[in-house]
C-alpha atoms as a PDB file:
ATOM      1  CA  ILE A   1      -8.942   8.664  12.692  1.00  0.00           C
ATOM      2  CA  GLY A   2      -6.796   6.459  10.451  1.00  0.00           C
ATOM      3  CA  ASP A   3      -9.345   3.633  10.572  1.00  0.00           C
ATOM      4  CA  TRP A   4     -12.182   6.073   9.850  1.00  0.00           C
ATOM      5  CA  VAL A   5     -10.353   7.449   6.790  1.00  0.00           C
ATOM      6  CA  VAL A   6      -9.702   3.969   5.357  1.00  0.00           C
ATOM      7  CA  ASN A   7     -13.314   2.909   5.902  1.00  0.00           C
ATOM      8  CA  GLN A   8     -14.570   6.159   4.383  1.00  0.00           C
ATOM      9  CA  ALA A   9     -12.342   5.599   1.332  1.00  0.00           C
ATOM     10  CA  CYS A  10     -13.806   2.107   0.924  1.00  0.00           C
ATOM     11  CA  ARG A  11     -17.345   3.502   1.125  1.00  0.00           C
ATOM     12  CA  GLN A  12     -16.541   6.070  -1.548  1.00  0.00           C
ATOM     13  CA  ILE A  13     -14.983   3.421  -3.807  1.00  0.00           C
ATOM     14  CA  ASN A  14     -18.293   1.551  -3.583  1.00  0.00           C
ATOM     15  CA  ALA A  15     -20.237   4.743  -4.307  1.00  0.00           C
ATOM     16  CA  LEU A  16     -18.110   5.402  -7.396  1.00  0.00           C
ATOM     17  CA  GLU A  17     -18.679   1.837  -8.602  1.00  0.00           C
ATOM     18  CA  ALA A  18     -22.437   2.307  -8.138  1.00  0.00           C
ATOM     19  CA  GLU A  19     -22.221   5.377 -10.387  1.00  0.00           C
ATOM     20  CA  GLY A  20     -20.424   3.357 -13.070  1.00  0.00           C
ATOM     21  CA  PHE A  21     -16.838   4.420 -12.330  1.00  0.00           C
ATOM     22  CA  ASP A  22     -15.496   0.960 -11.594  1.00  0.00           C
ATOM     23  CA  THR A  23     -11.884   1.718 -12.544  1.00  0.00           C
ATOM     24  CA  VAL A  24     -11.419   4.548 -10.029  1.00  0.00           C
ATOM     25  CA  GLY A  25      -9.468   3.920  -6.830  1.00  0.00           C
ATOM     26  CA  ILE A  26      -8.732   6.083  -3.811  1.00  0.00           C
ATOM     27  CA  SER A  27      -5.421   6.892  -2.126  1.00  0.00           C
ATOM     28  CA  VAL A  28      -5.054   7.225   1.632  1.00  0.00           C
ATOM     29  CA  ASN A  29      -2.031   8.700   3.414  1.00  0.00           C
ATOM     30  CA  VAL A  30      -0.768   6.641   6.342  1.00  0.00           C
ATOM     31  CA  SER A  31       1.569   7.671   9.155  1.00  0.00           C
ATOM     32  CA  ILE A  32       4.253   5.959  11.221  1.00  0.00           C
ATOM     33  CA  PRO A  33       2.028   5.714  14.352  1.00  0.00           C
ATOM     34  CA  GLN A  34      -0.430   3.663  12.295  1.00  0.00           C
ATOM     35  CA  PHE A  35       2.319   1.228  11.301  1.00  0.00           C
ATOM     36  CA  ARG A  36       3.266   0.799  14.936  1.00  0.00           C
ATOM     37  CA  ARG A  37      -0.213  -0.419  15.860  1.00  0.00           C
ATOM     38  CA  ALA A  38      -0.258  -4.199  16.192  1.00  0.00           C
ATOM     39  CA  ASN A  39      -3.511  -4.508  14.238  1.00  0.00           C
ATOM     40  CA  PHE A  40      -2.712  -1.988  11.486  1.00  0.00           C
ATOM     41  CA  VAL A  41      -2.409  -4.481   8.611  1.00  0.00           C
ATOM     42  CA  ASP A  42      -5.423  -6.487   9.757  1.00  0.00           C
ATOM     43  CA  SER A  43      -7.547  -3.337  10.067  1.00  0.00           C
ATOM     44  CA  ILE A  44      -6.798  -2.358   6.450  1.00  0.00           C
ATOM     45  CA  ILE A  45      -7.540  -5.837   5.118  1.00  0.00           C
ATOM     46  CA  GLN A  46     -10.701  -6.041   7.226  1.00  0.00           C
ATOM     47  CA  ALA A  47     -11.941  -2.708   5.832  1.00  0.00           C
ATOM     48  CA  THR A  48     -11.641  -3.973   2.246  1.00  0.00           C
ATOM     49  CA  GLN A  49     -13.467  -7.174   3.204  1.00  0.00           C
ATOM     50  CA  VAL A  50     -16.258  -5.517   5.193  1.00  0.00           C
ATOM     51  CA  HIS A  51     -16.965  -3.070   2.362  1.00  0.00           C
ATOM     52  CA  GLN A  52     -16.324  -5.711  -0.330  1.00  0.00           C
ATOM     53  CA  VAL A  53     -13.804  -3.496  -2.091  1.00  0.00           C
ATOM     54  CA  GLU A  54     -11.287  -4.876  -4.561  1.00  0.00           C
ATOM     55  CA  PRO A  55      -8.000  -4.406  -2.665  1.00  0.00           C
ATOM     56  CA  ARG A  56      -6.234  -2.987  -5.737  1.00  0.00           C
ATOM     57  CA  LYS A  57      -8.594   0.015  -5.624  1.00  0.00           C
ATOM     58  CA  LEU A  58      -7.305   1.046  -2.220  1.00  0.00           C
ATOM     59  CA  GLU A  59      -3.909   2.710  -2.427  1.00  0.00           C
ATOM     60  CA  LEU A  60      -1.863   3.515   0.658  1.00  0.00           C
ATOM     61  CA  GLU A  61       0.581   6.418   0.409  1.00  0.00           C
ATOM     62  CA  ILE A  62       3.706   6.568   2.529  1.00  0.00           C
ATOM     63  CA  THR A  63       6.554   9.061   2.518  1.00  0.00           C
ATOM     64  CA  GLU A  64      10.259   8.262   2.383  1.00  0.00           C
ATOM     65  CA  ASN A  65      10.580   9.520   5.960  1.00  0.00           C
ATOM     66  CA  ILE A  66       8.191   6.809   7.166  1.00  0.00           C
ATOM     67  CA  LEU A  67      10.405   4.177   5.542  1.00  0.00           C
ATOM     68  CA  MET A  68      13.456   5.577   7.275  1.00  0.00           C
ATOM     69  CA  ASP A  69      11.822   5.886  10.699  1.00  0.00           C
ATOM     70  CA  ASP A  70      11.390   2.164  11.355  1.00  0.00           C
ATOM     71  CA  PRO A  71      12.260   0.429   8.078  1.00  0.00           C
ATOM     72  CA  GLN A  72      11.712  -3.212   8.982  1.00  0.00           C
ATOM     73  CA  VAL A  73       8.360  -2.653  10.693  1.00  0.00           C
ATOM     74  CA  VAL A  74       7.104  -0.636   7.724  1.00  0.00           C
ATOM     75  CA  ILE A  75       8.480  -3.000   5.071  1.00  0.00           C
ATOM     76  CA  ASP A  76       7.013  -6.073   6.791  1.00  0.00           C
ATOM     77  CA  ALA A  77       3.601  -4.391   6.942  1.00  0.00           C
ATOM     78  CA  LEU A  78       3.780  -3.290   3.298  1.00  0.00           C
ATOM     79  CA  VAL A  79       4.708  -6.789   2.140  1.00  0.00           C
ATOM     80  CA  LYS A  80       1.635  -8.216   3.904  1.00  0.00           C
ATOM     81  CA  LEU A  81      -0.612  -5.546   2.416  1.00  0.00           C
ATOM     82  CA  LYS A  82       0.781  -6.084  -1.089  1.00  0.00           C
ATOM     83  CA  THR A  83       0.132  -9.844  -0.851  1.00  0.00           C
ATOM     84  CA  GLN A  84      -3.531  -8.901  -0.338  1.00  0.00           C
ATOM     85  CA  GLY A  85      -3.468  -6.817  -3.531  1.00  0.00           C
ATOM     86  CA  ILE A  86      -3.425  -3.386  -1.879  1.00  0.00           C
ATOM     87  CA  SER A  87      -1.384  -0.813  -3.824  1.00  0.00           C
ATOM     88  CA  ILE A  88       1.490   1.016  -2.152  1.00  0.00           C
ATOM     89  CA  ALA A  89       2.645   4.462  -3.301  1.00  0.00           C
ATOM     90  CA  LEU A  90       5.847   6.216  -2.259  1.00  0.00           C
ATOM     91  CA  ASP A  91       4.752   9.844  -1.950  1.00  0.00           C
ATOM     92  CA  ASP A  92       6.923  12.971  -2.371  1.00  0.00           C
ATOM     93  CA  PHE A  93       9.705  10.907  -3.934  1.00  0.00           C
ATOM     94  CA  GLY A  94      13.028  12.689  -4.177  1.00  0.00           C
ATOM     95  CA  THR A  95      12.686  14.804  -1.036  1.00  0.00           C
ATOM     96  CA  GLY A  96      13.628  12.228   1.595  1.00  0.00           C
ATOM     97  CA  TYR A  97      16.556   9.938   2.213  1.00  0.00           C
ATOM     98  CA  THR A  98      15.794   7.063  -0.109  1.00  0.00           C
ATOM     99  CA  GLY A  99      18.724   6.272  -2.360  1.00  0.00           C
ATOM    100  CA  PHE A 100      18.004   5.081  -5.851  1.00  0.00           C
ATOM    101  CA  SER A 101      19.660   1.767  -5.007  1.00  0.00           C
ATOM    102  CA  GLN A 102      17.218   1.233  -2.117  1.00  0.00           C
ATOM    103  CA  LEU A 103      14.149   1.693  -4.266  1.00  0.00           C
ATOM    104  CA  ALA A 104      14.289  -1.853  -5.627  1.00  0.00           C
ATOM    105  CA  SER A 105      14.082  -3.322  -2.134  1.00  0.00           C
ATOM    106  CA  TYR A 106      10.951  -1.419  -1.118  1.00  0.00           C
ATOM    107  CA  PRO A 107       7.578  -3.115  -1.674  1.00  0.00           C
ATOM    108  CA  VAL A 108       5.980  -0.249  -3.597  1.00  0.00           C
ATOM    109  CA  ASP A 109       3.945  -0.131  -6.813  1.00  0.00           C
ATOM    110  CA  ILE A 110       3.885   3.602  -7.453  1.00  0.00           C
ATOM    111  CA  ILE A 111       6.258   6.515  -7.005  1.00  0.00           C
ATOM    112  CA  LYS A 112       4.939  10.037  -6.893  1.00  0.00           C
ATOM    113  CA  ILE A 113       7.473  12.611  -8.048  1.00  0.00           C
ATOM    114  CA  ASP A 114       7.448  15.460  -5.549  1.00  0.00           C
ATOM    115  CA  ARG A 115       5.894  18.714  -6.688  1.00  0.00           C
ATOM    116  CA  SER A 116       9.129  20.617  -5.955  1.00  0.00           C
ATOM    117  CA  PHE A 117      10.670  19.003  -9.047  1.00  0.00           C
ATOM    118  CA  THR A 118       7.624  19.541 -11.247  1.00  0.00           C
ATOM    119  CA  GLN A 119       7.229  23.165 -10.154  1.00  0.00           C
ATOM    120  CA  GLU A 120      10.691  24.124 -11.372  1.00  0.00           C
ATOM    121  CA  ILE A 121      10.587  22.342 -14.723  1.00  0.00           C
ATOM    122  CA  ASN A 122       9.676  25.655 -16.413  1.00  0.00           C
ATOM    123  CA  VAL A 123      12.529  27.683 -14.953  1.00  0.00           C
ATOM    124  CA  ASP A 124      15.307  25.178 -14.336  1.00  0.00           C
ATOM    125  CA  VAL A 125      16.202  23.484 -17.595  1.00  0.00           C
ATOM    126  CA  SER A 126      19.171  21.530 -16.265  1.00  0.00           C
ATOM    127  CA  ASN A 127      19.001  20.226 -12.689  1.00  0.00           C
ATOM    128  CA  ARG A 128      15.298  19.708 -11.997  1.00  0.00           C
ATOM    129  CA  ARG A 129      14.479  18.429 -15.469  1.00  0.00           C
ATOM    130  CA  LEU A 130      17.414  16.050 -15.337  1.00  0.00           C
ATOM    131  CA  THR A 131      16.288  14.791 -11.928  1.00  0.00           C
ATOM    132  CA  VAL A 132      12.744  14.201 -13.193  1.00  0.00           C
ATOM    133  CA  ASP A 133      14.116  12.387 -16.259  1.00  0.00           C
ATOM    134  CA  ILE A 134      16.256  10.124 -14.040  1.00  0.00           C
ATOM    135  CA  ILE A 135      13.382   9.356 -11.647  1.00  0.00           C
ATOM    136  CA  VAL A 136      11.115   8.434 -14.560  1.00  0.00           C
ATOM    137  CA  GLU A 137      13.728   6.148 -16.131  1.00  0.00           C
ATOM    138  CA  LEU A 138      14.487   4.513 -12.791  1.00  0.00           C
ATOM    139  CA  ALA A 139      10.810   3.887 -12.107  1.00  0.00           C
ATOM    140  CA  ARG A 140      10.452   2.275 -15.522  1.00  0.00           C
ATOM    141  CA  LEU A 141      13.405  -0.024 -14.835  1.00  0.00           C
ATOM    142  CA  TYR A 142      11.682  -1.183 -11.642  1.00  0.00           C
ATOM    143  CA  GLU A 143       8.323  -1.400 -13.465  1.00  0.00           C
ATOM    144  CA  LEU A 144       6.675   1.122 -11.153  1.00  0.00           C
ATOM    145  CA  THR A 145       3.751   3.363 -11.982  1.00  0.00           C
ATOM    146  CA  ILE A 146       4.770   7.033 -12.009  1.00  0.00           C
ATOM    147  CA  VAL A 147       2.673   9.971 -10.837  1.00  0.00           C
ATOM    148  CA  ALA A 148       3.873  13.564 -11.261  1.00  0.00           C
ATOM    149  CA  GLU A 149       2.604  15.800  -8.468  1.00  0.00           C
ATOM    150  CA  GLY A 150       2.104  19.542  -8.564  1.00  0.00           C
ATOM    151  CA  VAL A 151       1.264  20.028 -12.256  1.00  0.00           C
ATOM    152  CA  GLU A 152      -0.048  23.575 -12.404  1.00  0.00           C
ATOM    153  CA  ASP A 153       0.272  24.670 -16.019  1.00  0.00           C
ATOM    154  CA  LEU A 154       0.221  23.372 -19.578  1.00  0.00           C
ATOM    155  CA  GLN A 155       4.000  23.573 -20.025  1.00  0.00           C
ATOM    156  CA  GLN A 156       4.577  21.295 -17.040  1.00  0.00           C
ATOM    157  CA  LEU A 157       1.882  18.888 -18.245  1.00  0.00           C
ATOM    158  CA  GLU A 158       3.361  18.711 -21.748  1.00  0.00           C
ATOM    159  CA  TYR A 159       6.879  18.090 -20.426  1.00  0.00           C
ATOM    160  CA  ILE A 160       5.641  15.285 -18.176  1.00  0.00           C
ATOM    161  CA  GLN A 161       3.587  13.784 -21.016  1.00  0.00           C
ATOM    162  CA  ASP A 162       6.608  13.936 -23.349  1.00  0.00           C
ATOM    163  CA  LEU A 163       8.407  11.707 -20.821  1.00  0.00           C
ATOM    164  CA  GLY A 164       5.573   9.198 -21.191  1.00  0.00           C
ATOM    165  CA  VAL A 165       4.158   9.756 -17.714  1.00  0.00           C
ATOM    166  CA  GLU A 166       0.408   9.159 -17.880  1.00  0.00           C
ATOM    167  CA  CYS A 167      -0.606   9.946 -14.299  1.00  0.00           C
ATOM    168  CA  VAL A 168      -0.490  13.493 -12.980  1.00  0.00           C
ATOM    169  CA  GLN A 169      -2.075  15.458 -10.196  1.00  0.00           C
ATOM    170  CA  GLY A 170      -2.192  19.165  -9.599  1.00  0.00           C
ATOM    171  CA  PHE A 171      -4.182  22.351  -9.845  1.00  0.00           C
ATOM    172  CA  TYR A 172      -3.954  22.405 -13.663  1.00  0.00           C
ATOM    173  CA  LEU A 173      -6.387  19.479 -13.688  1.00  0.00           C
ATOM    174  CA  SER A 174      -8.394  20.358 -10.596  1.00  0.00           C
ATOM    175  CA  ARG A 175      -8.245  21.771  -7.109  1.00  0.00           C
ATOM    176  CA  PRO A 176      -9.070  19.343  -4.275  1.00  0.00           C
ATOM    177  CA  LEU A 177     -12.765  18.439  -4.427  1.00  0.00           C
ATOM    178  CA  THR A 178     -15.419  17.024  -2.156  1.00  0.00           C
ATOM    179  CA  TYR A 179     -16.744  13.615  -3.143  1.00  0.00           C
ATOM    180  CA  GLU A 180     -19.913  15.213  -4.556  1.00  0.00           C
ATOM    181  CA  ASP A 181     -17.980  17.702  -6.708  1.00  0.00           C
ATOM    182  CA  PHE A 182     -15.580  14.987  -7.882  1.00  0.00           C
ATOM    183  CA  SER A 183     -18.522  12.802  -8.901  1.00  0.00           C
ATOM    184  CA  LYS A 184     -19.999  15.689 -10.913  1.00  0.00           C
ATOM    185  CA  LEU A 185     -16.630  16.351 -12.575  1.00  0.00           C
ATOM    186  CA  VAL A 186     -16.032  12.765 -13.692  1.00  0.00           C
ATOM    187  CA  THR A 187     -19.651  12.404 -14.823  1.00  0.00           C
ATOM    188  CA  GLN A 188     -19.316  15.548 -16.954  1.00  0.00           C
ATOM    189  CA  LYS A 189     -15.919  14.454 -18.330  1.00  0.00           C
ATOM    190  CA  ASN A 190     -17.289  11.009 -19.159  1.00  0.00           C
ATOM    191  CA  ALA A 191     -20.245  12.559 -21.008  1.00  0.00           C
ATOM    192  CA  GLU A 192     -17.890  14.840 -23.000  1.00  0.00           C
ATOM    193  CA  ASP A 193     -15.636  11.907 -23.948  1.00  0.00           C
ATOM    194  CA  ASN A 194     -18.600   9.817 -25.072  1.00  0.00           C
ATOM    195  CA  TYR A 195     -19.960  12.732 -27.112  1.00  0.00           C
ATOM    196  CA  GLN A 196     -16.675  13.124 -28.982  1.00  0.00           C
END
């Protein structure tokens, strides 16, 4: 299933490029059993080559728990993937066991702030907001891209934007979509932007 998902993501990257959206990439979640396969790294690289996809457009998402399960196996695989230009995102950051000091040693490009922090920005002025502020500053120090997950209302979006975070995901922007519906959405948004 993991190989099918990666190959399907590569096909959809090509389809988006054919429609003129050549800056859009796709993220794929990967699991610890995939990392334990001897050919895991090669299968990812091969998929980008077979489909002639720019490696930077394929992003692999891992959770902190995957890093803790078998750290050296995972880190070695991520280093090889990064040397090929494939992006690595640390998903649900802040909910696992990664210490801030460990973050610098992990071969990641992106951290995704877990939705549990974003969700409570509106009601918890001190702890959650402070945690989000610290994560954002830390990510900047390590020159990582930041994504805020779980943005569901304008207040959350504005707070995240005020921190200078440009990438968000959540129901405020859109519910999960099929490829066809996503294509329609970005086509419509592109037309609106060009009109203005």
